[in-house]
């Protein structure tokens, strides 16, 4: 059959193994999800209860607007931010994609600093934009000189991931961000993906909110998937100067957020203590894993997130497959500077212990 050909073709998204699939495949009872950077305590019980109470009302449309959630975000963030400095999206991914939809046209250019989160490339390609790679330095930090040198008249966006995924480190410190903001031409927006913001302890991490408040062309991407542990809800948000936030929000679809997301977000925001406990548990688990990896003589990238990228003496794909057979899901890395690395996120203590014990056995058997 002859069908119209698409302007640009993308592969269909494929599911990864779910917990029940892994249990059935290997005949096991327990699965530890250490591959998706989820947090160990789960969502706020208040958010779960609020969404359950809303379920009976799903026969009517959600509100067209999201002012109450944005106002709550402004209250929590403080620093002089207003509700109009925020816009929401169906995940941090969509909050970022709304920017590319709003600002890119075919032939425009986007700068990305790999190795980093791969969805940036698809967001640019969907709008017909080209991507210029400015690789991170050997220590996985941004090469500010190279980024500035790569800017052209067609460059519209610089997309940064900070802390970076999959490496986990701070890719750009305050001094580096200050320089980029000061020297970047006015026609370029700096889009800083900061979904792991709440895990950061390093005092040199940029206070990017200050740029937005100063009216600089800087957009910060955040998510309810990480610190609030609501990845299944698909909800994120961005912080930007009011003029930019208004413009980007204008390309949202009508009824772009469902009722459960709006209600769950508000309840989660009202339970800051649970969020803080979740973040603390995730960081504690990551630090414990790091200590065990050191005792095993393994190197890893210093992390400011809830995960670690560890260098293995054995093929990470082989190690990952063996861990999967034991019900421990991790993410092997590959390609260029990522060769030999495996990414693992912290989970409940029993899972962290199972990972370290299994990894030690696998590496010992390989020696």
Protein backbone atom coordinates (compact mmCIF):
# COMPACT_ATOMS: atom_id res chain seq x y z
CA UNK A 1 0.00 0.00 0.00
CA UNK A 2 1.29 3.46 -0.89
CA UNK A 3 1.10 5.96 1.96
CA UNK A 4 2.22 9.59 2.25
CA UNK A 5 5.82 9.84 3.40
CA UNK A 6 6.54 11.76 6.61
CA UNK A 7 8.59 14.93 6.67
CA UNK A 8 10.88 13.27 9.20
CA UNK A 9 10.77 9.71 10.49
CA UNK A 10 11.36 8.66 14.10
CA UNK A 11 11.33 5.13 15.51
CA UNK A 12 8.37 3.97 17.57
CA UNK A 13 9.13 4.01 21.30
CA UNK A 14 9.60 0.53 22.75
CA UNK A 15 8.78 -0.55 26.30
CA UNK A 16 11.52 -1.75 28.61
CA UNK A 17 11.01 -4.73 30.92
CA UNK A 18 8.54 -4.00 33.70
CA UNK A 19 8.89 -5.55 37.15
CA UNK A 20 6.35 -8.31 36.47
CA UNK A 21 8.12 -9.15 33.20
CA UNK A 22 11.42 -9.59 35.03
CA UNK A 23 9.82 -11.73 37.74
CA UNK A 24 8.18 -13.98 35.18
CA UNK A 25 11.27 -14.20 32.98
CA UNK A 26 13.61 -15.32 35.75
CA UNK A 27 11.21 -16.90 38.24
CA UNK A 28 12.04 -14.44 41.02
CA UNK A 29 9.89 -12.62 43.57
CA UNK A 30 11.73 -9.32 44.10
CA UNK A 31 12.91 -6.67 41.66
CA UNK A 32 14.98 -3.61 42.58
CA UNK A 33 14.52 -0.73 40.15
CA UNK A 34 17.95 0.88 40.13
CA UNK A 35 17.85 1.85 36.45
CA UNK A 36 15.34 4.73 36.37
CA UNK A 37 16.59 7.20 39.03
CA UNK A 38 13.43 6.86 41.09
CA UNK A 39 13.49 7.73 44.79
CA UNK A 40 13.11 5.12 47.55
CA UNK A 41 10.18 6.35 49.66
CA UNK A 42 7.68 6.70 46.84
CA UNK A 43 5.12 9.50 46.46
CA UNK A 44 3.70 11.50 49.33
CA UNK A 45 0.82 9.58 50.97
CA UNK A 46 -1.09 12.86 50.89
CA UNK A 47 -0.67 13.04 47.12
CA UNK A 48 -1.84 9.45 46.72
CA UNK A 49 -4.90 10.10 48.87
CA UNK A 50 -5.75 13.31 47.02
CA UNK A 51 -5.57 11.59 43.64
CA UNK A 52 -7.64 8.64 44.87
CA UNK A 53 -10.31 11.04 46.07
CA UNK A 54 -10.33 12.71 42.65
CA UNK A 55 -10.77 9.50 40.66
CA UNK A 56 -14.56 9.62 40.83
CA UNK A 57 -14.48 13.06 39.20
CA UNK A 58 -12.65 11.98 36.05
CA UNK A 59 -15.86 12.15 34.03
CA UNK A 60 -15.43 15.91 33.64
CA UNK A 61 -12.66 17.92 32.01
CA UNK A 62 -9.79 19.31 34.08
CA UNK A 63 -9.35 23.04 34.59
CA UNK A 64 -8.04 24.85 31.54
CA UNK A 65 -5.49 26.69 33.68
CA UNK A 66 -2.95 25.73 36.33
CA UNK A 67 -2.71 28.96 38.33
CA UNK A 68 -3.06 27.33 41.75
CA UNK A 69 -0.12 24.97 41.21
CA UNK A 70 2.04 27.76 39.81
CA UNK A 71 1.17 29.97 42.77
CA UNK A 72 2.14 27.18 45.16
CA UNK A 73 5.43 26.68 43.33
CA UNK A 74 6.18 30.40 43.62
CA UNK A 75 5.42 30.29 47.34
CA UNK A 76 7.74 27.32 47.90
CA UNK A 77 10.60 28.61 45.75
CA UNK A 78 10.41 32.14 47.14
CA UNK A 79 13.32 34.41 46.12
CA UNK A 80 10.84 36.88 44.63
CA UNK A 81 9.42 34.48 42.04
CA UNK A 82 5.78 34.90 41.04
CA UNK A 83 3.30 32.42 39.59
CA UNK A 84 3.87 33.95 36.16
CA UNK A 85 7.54 32.92 36.30
CA UNK A 86 6.38 29.29 35.98
CA UNK A 87 4.74 27.15 33.34
CA UNK A 88 3.82 23.47 33.62
CA UNK A 89 4.24 20.53 31.28
CA UNK A 90 3.46 16.82 31.16
CA UNK A 91 6.91 16.00 32.63
CA UNK A 92 10.15 17.92 32.62
CA UNK A 93 10.64 16.43 29.16
CA UNK A 94 7.57 18.25 27.84
CA UNK A 95 8.45 21.44 29.72
CA UNK A 96 11.66 21.38 27.68
CA UNK A 97 9.93 20.32 24.46
CA UNK A 98 7.57 23.29 24.76
CA UNK A 99 10.63 25.55 24.51
CA UNK A 100 11.85 23.92 21.31
CA UNK A 101 8.32 24.07 19.91
CA UNK A 102 8.03 27.76 20.78
CA UNK A 103 11.44 28.99 19.63
CA UNK A 104 12.83 26.72 16.91
CA UNK A 105 12.16 26.82 13.18
CA UNK A 106 13.69 24.62 10.44
CA UNK A 107 17.35 25.46 9.96
CA UNK A 108 17.86 26.86 13.45
CA UNK A 109 20.70 25.52 15.56
CA UNK A 110 20.85 24.02 19.04
CA UNK A 111 24.03 23.43 21.05
CA UNK A 112 24.19 20.30 23.22
CA UNK A 113 27.04 19.06 25.43
CA UNK A 114 27.33 15.26 25.28
CA UNK A 115 27.41 12.79 26.85
CA UNK A 116 24.05 13.91 28.20
CA UNK A 117 20.32 13.23 28.15
CA UNK A 118 19.44 11.99 24.68
CA UNK A 119 15.98 13.51 24.33
CA UNK A 120 17.48 16.92 23.54
CA UNK A 121 18.36 15.70 20.07
CA UNK A 122 14.85 14.52 19.30
CA UNK A 123 13.31 17.77 20.56
CA UNK A 124 15.52 19.72 18.16
CA UNK A 125 14.96 17.34 15.24
CA UNK A 126 11.17 17.50 15.58
CA UNK A 127 11.38 21.22 14.78
CA UNK A 128 13.80 20.75 11.88
CA UNK A 129 16.72 22.25 13.78
CA UNK A 130 20.34 21.14 13.55
CA UNK A 131 22.38 20.17 16.60
CA UNK A 132 25.99 21.13 17.27
CA UNK A 133 27.77 18.88 19.75
CA UNK A 134 30.24 20.56 22.10
CA UNK A 135 31.52 17.58 24.11
CA UNK A 136 32.03 17.79 27.83
CA UNK A 137 35.64 17.85 28.99
CA UNK A 138 37.37 14.73 30.33
CA UNK A 139 35.95 15.41 33.80
CA UNK A 140 32.43 15.70 32.32
CA UNK A 141 32.19 19.46 32.81
CA UNK A 142 31.13 22.05 30.24
CA UNK A 143 33.83 23.57 28.04
CA UNK A 144 32.65 27.18 28.24
CA UNK A 145 35.16 28.48 25.69
CA UNK A 146 34.12 25.85 23.15
CA UNK A 147 30.42 26.52 23.72
CA UNK A 148 30.79 30.24 23.12
CA UNK A 149 32.91 29.58 20.03
CA UNK A 150 30.22 27.27 18.60
CA UNK A 151 27.46 29.91 18.60
CA UNK A 152 26.31 31.10 15.17
CA UNK A 153 23.66 33.48 13.91
CA UNK A 154 21.26 30.53 13.66
CA UNK A 155 21.86 29.27 17.20
CA UNK A 156 18.69 29.65 19.26
CA UNK A 157 19.23 27.34 22.23
CA UNK A 158 22.03 26.05 24.41
CA UNK A 159 20.73 23.02 26.32
CA UNK A 160 22.60 22.06 29.48
CA UNK A 161 21.91 19.21 31.89
CA UNK A 162 23.07 20.23 35.35
CA UNK A 163 23.59 17.98 37.28
CA UNK A 164 24.26 15.94 34.19
CA UNK A 165 22.53 12.72 33.25
CA UNK A 166 23.98 10.08 33.03
CA UNK A 167 27.21 11.17 34.74
CA UNK A 168 25.62 12.66 37.88
CA UNK A 169 28.14 15.46 38.39
CA UNK A 170 27.74 19.22 38.32
CA UNK A 171 28.51 20.02 34.71
CA UNK A 172 28.76 23.77 35.22
CA UNK A 173 29.51 25.74 38.38
CA UNK A 174 28.42 29.24 39.36
CA UNK A 175 31.41 30.95 37.74
CA UNK A 176 30.92 29.06 34.48
CA UNK A 177 27.21 29.82 34.35
CA UNK A 178 27.86 33.49 35.15
CA UNK A 179 30.25 33.67 32.22
CA UNK A 180 27.88 31.94 29.81
CA UNK A 181 25.01 34.24 30.75
CA UNK A 182 27.22 37.33 30.47
CA UNK A 183 28.85 36.45 27.13
CA UNK A 184 26.09 34.60 25.30
CA UNK A 185 24.61 36.66 22.41
CA UNK A 186 21.10 37.96 23.04
CA UNK A 187 19.51 35.72 20.39
CA UNK A 188 20.40 32.54 22.32
CA UNK A 189 18.36 31.11 25.20
CA UNK A 190 20.18 29.03 27.81
CA UNK A 191 17.99 26.07 28.75
CA UNK A 192 19.26 24.47 31.95
CA UNK A 193 17.76 21.07 32.77
CA UNK A 194 17.92 21.00 36.57
CA UNK A 195 15.56 18.15 37.45
CA UNK A 196 18.06 16.84 40.04
CA UNK A 197 18.37 20.25 41.71
CA UNK A 198 17.03 19.09 45.09
CA UNK A 199 19.81 16.52 45.48
CA UNK A 200 22.67 19.01 45.09
CA UNK A 201 24.87 19.81 48.10
CA UNK A 202 27.82 21.52 46.36
CA UNK A 203 27.93 25.23 47.19
CA UNK A 204 29.35 26.04 43.74
CA UNK A 205 26.15 24.95 42.00
CA UNK A 206 24.62 27.88 40.09
CA UNK A 207 21.72 29.83 41.55
CA UNK A 208 20.00 29.94 38.19
CA UNK A 209 16.81 31.51 39.57
CA UNK A 210 18.71 34.78 39.88
CA UNK A 211 19.14 34.93 36.10
CA UNK A 212 15.43 34.46 35.49
CA UNK A 213 14.58 37.14 38.03
CA UNK A 214 17.02 39.49 36.30
CA UNK A 215 15.22 38.96 33.00
CA UNK A 216 18.08 37.05 31.38
CA UNK A 217 17.17 34.57 28.60
CA UNK A 218 17.53 31.55 30.88
CA UNK A 219 14.95 28.78 31.38
CA UNK A 220 15.22 26.21 34.18
CA UNK A 221 13.58 22.80 33.80
CA UNK A 222 12.27 20.94 36.87
CA UNK A 223 10.21 17.82 37.46
CA UNK A 224 7.91 16.08 39.91
CA UNK A 225 9.48 12.75 38.88
CA UNK A 226 12.62 12.87 41.02
CA UNK A 227 12.47 14.57 44.42
CA UNK A 228 8.67 14.21 44.62
CA UNK A 229 8.81 10.64 43.23
CA UNK A 230 5.84 11.01 40.88
CA UNK A 231 7.33 9.78 37.57
CA UNK A 232 4.17 7.89 36.70
CA UNK A 233 2.18 11.13 36.85
CA UNK A 234 4.26 12.82 34.11
CA UNK A 235 4.41 16.36 35.43
CA UNK A 236 7.14 18.97 35.25
CA UNK A 237 7.61 22.71 35.23
CA UNK A 238 9.94 25.48 34.21
CA UNK A 239 11.12 28.75 35.72
CA UNK A 240 11.82 31.66 33.40
CA UNK A 241 11.48 35.42 33.03
CA UNK A 242 7.76 36.26 32.86
CA UNK A 243 7.89 37.26 29.19
CA UNK A 244 9.48 33.94 28.21
CA UNK A 245 7.21 31.86 30.46
CA UNK A 246 4.12 33.52 28.98
CA UNK A 247 5.31 32.89 25.44
CA UNK A 248 6.17 29.24 26.01
CA UNK A 249 2.92 28.59 27.89
CA UNK A 250 1.09 29.89 24.84
CA UNK A 251 2.02 26.78 22.83
CA UNK A 252 0.54 24.37 25.37
CA UNK A 253 -2.44 22.31 24.27
CA UNK A 254 -5.86 23.04 25.74
CA UNK A 255 -6.51 20.97 28.88
CA UNK A 256 -2.83 20.05 28.77
CA UNK A 257 -2.75 18.67 32.33
CA UNK A 258 -5.09 16.02 33.66
CA UNK A 259 -6.98 16.30 36.94
CA UNK A 260 -4.90 13.70 38.75
CA UNK A 261 -1.69 15.54 37.88
CA UNK A 262 -3.01 18.89 39.10
CA UNK A 263 -4.42 17.47 42.34
CA UNK A 264 -1.42 15.22 42.98
CA UNK A 265 1.04 18.03 42.37
CA UNK A 266 -0.70 20.37 44.79
CA UNK A 267 -0.83 17.73 47.52
CA UNK A 268 2.83 16.80 46.95
CA UNK A 269 3.87 20.45 47.15
CA UNK A 270 2.00 20.79 50.42
CA UNK A 271 3.98 17.86 51.86
CA UNK A 272 7.50 19.27 51.73
CA UNK A 273 8.60 17.13 54.66
CA UNK A 274 7.99 13.94 52.68
CA UNK A 275 9.92 15.34 49.72
CA UNK A 276 12.86 16.20 51.98
CA UNK A 277 12.84 12.73 53.56
CA UNK A 278 12.78 11.16 50.11
CA UNK A 279 15.74 13.21 48.92
CA UNK A 280 17.67 12.50 52.13
CA UNK A 281 17.04 8.75 51.81
CA UNK A 282 18.14 8.75 48.16
CA UNK A 283 21.34 10.67 48.92
CA UNK A 284 22.12 8.48 51.91
CA UNK A 285 21.73 5.39 49.75
CA UNK A 286 23.94 6.84 47.03
CA UNK A 287 26.66 7.70 49.55
CA UNK A 288 26.50 4.20 51.04
CA UNK A 289 26.84 2.62 47.60
CA UNK A 290 29.76 4.94 46.82
CA UNK A 291 31.58 3.83 49.97
CA UNK A 292 31.10 0.17 49.05
CA UNK A 293 32.33 0.79 45.51
CA UNK A 294 35.46 2.42 46.91
CA UNK A 295 36.08 -0.66 49.04
CA UNK A 296 35.75 -2.78 45.90
CA UNK A 297 38.41 -0.60 44.26
CA UNK A 298 36.04 0.81 41.64
CA UNK A 299 36.11 4.35 40.28
CA UNK A 300 32.97 6.42 39.79
CA UNK A 301 32.05 9.96 38.81
CA UNK A 302 31.45 12.24 41.83
CA UNK A 303 27.67 12.61 41.98
CA UNK A 304 25.26 15.32 43.12
CA UNK A 305 22.18 13.24 42.28
CA UNK A 306 20.52 10.01 43.44
CA UNK A 307 22.65 7.85 41.12
CA UNK A 308 26.26 6.98 40.35
CA UNK A 309 28.11 6.21 37.14
CA UNK A 310 30.71 3.57 37.99
CA UNK A 311 33.62 2.33 35.86
CA UNK A 312 33.75 -1.46 35.57
CA UNK A 313 36.61 -3.80 34.62
CA UNK A 314 34.07 -6.00 32.82
CA UNK A 315 31.65 -5.22 29.97
CA UNK A 316 28.78 -3.25 31.60
CA UNK A 317 26.24 -4.89 29.29
CA UNK A 318 27.31 -8.34 30.53
CA UNK A 319 27.25 -7.19 34.16
CA UNK A 320 23.84 -5.58 33.67
CA UNK A 321 22.41 -8.78 32.18
CA UNK A 322 23.68 -10.84 35.11
CA UNK A 323 22.27 -8.34 37.62
CA UNK A 324 18.94 -8.45 35.80
CA UNK A 325 18.81 -12.22 36.26
CA UNK A 326 19.06 -11.53 39.99
CA UNK A 327 16.27 -8.95 39.89
CA UNK A 328 18.52 -5.87 39.98
CA UNK A 329 17.90 -3.44 37.13
CA UNK A 330 20.68 -0.99 36.17
CA UNK A 331 21.70 0.96 33.06
CA UNK A 332 24.87 0.00 31.15
CA UNK A 333 26.45 2.88 29.27
CA UNK A 334 28.25 2.81 25.94
CA UNK A 335 29.81 5.09 23.37
CA UNK A 336 32.90 7.29 23.54
CA UNK A 337 33.65 8.51 27.06
CA UNK A 338 30.83 6.37 28.50
CA UNK A 339 32.43 3.08 27.46
CA UNK A 340 32.95 0.82 30.45
CA UNK A 341 30.50 2.65 32.71
CA UNK A 342 27.32 1.50 34.40
CA UNK A 343 24.72 3.83 35.93
CA UNK A 344 22.98 2.77 39.12
CA UNK A 345 20.50 4.73 41.21
CA UNK A 346 20.02 4.21 44.93
CA UNK A 347 16.88 2.52 46.20
CA UNK A 348 15.72 0.99 49.49
CA UNK A 349 18.56 -0.29 51.73
CA UNK A 350 17.85 -3.94 50.89
CA UNK A 351 18.19 -3.15 47.19
CA UNK A 352 21.40 -1.19 47.67
CA UNK A 353 22.87 -4.10 49.62
CA UNK A 354 21.71 -6.63 47.02
CA UNK A 355 23.35 -4.61 44.24
CA UNK A 356 26.71 -4.30 45.97
CA UNK A 357 26.80 -7.97 46.96
CA UNK A 358 25.81 -9.16 43.49
CA UNK A 359 28.27 -6.83 41.76
CA UNK A 360 31.10 -8.02 43.99
CA UNK A 361 30.32 -11.66 43.14
CA UNK A 362 30.08 -10.97 39.41
CA UNK A 363 33.39 -9.12 39.31
CA UNK A 364 35.10 -11.76 41.45
CA UNK A 365 33.90 -14.52 39.12
CA UNK A 366 35.28 -12.55 36.16
CA UNK A 367 38.75 -12.15 37.67
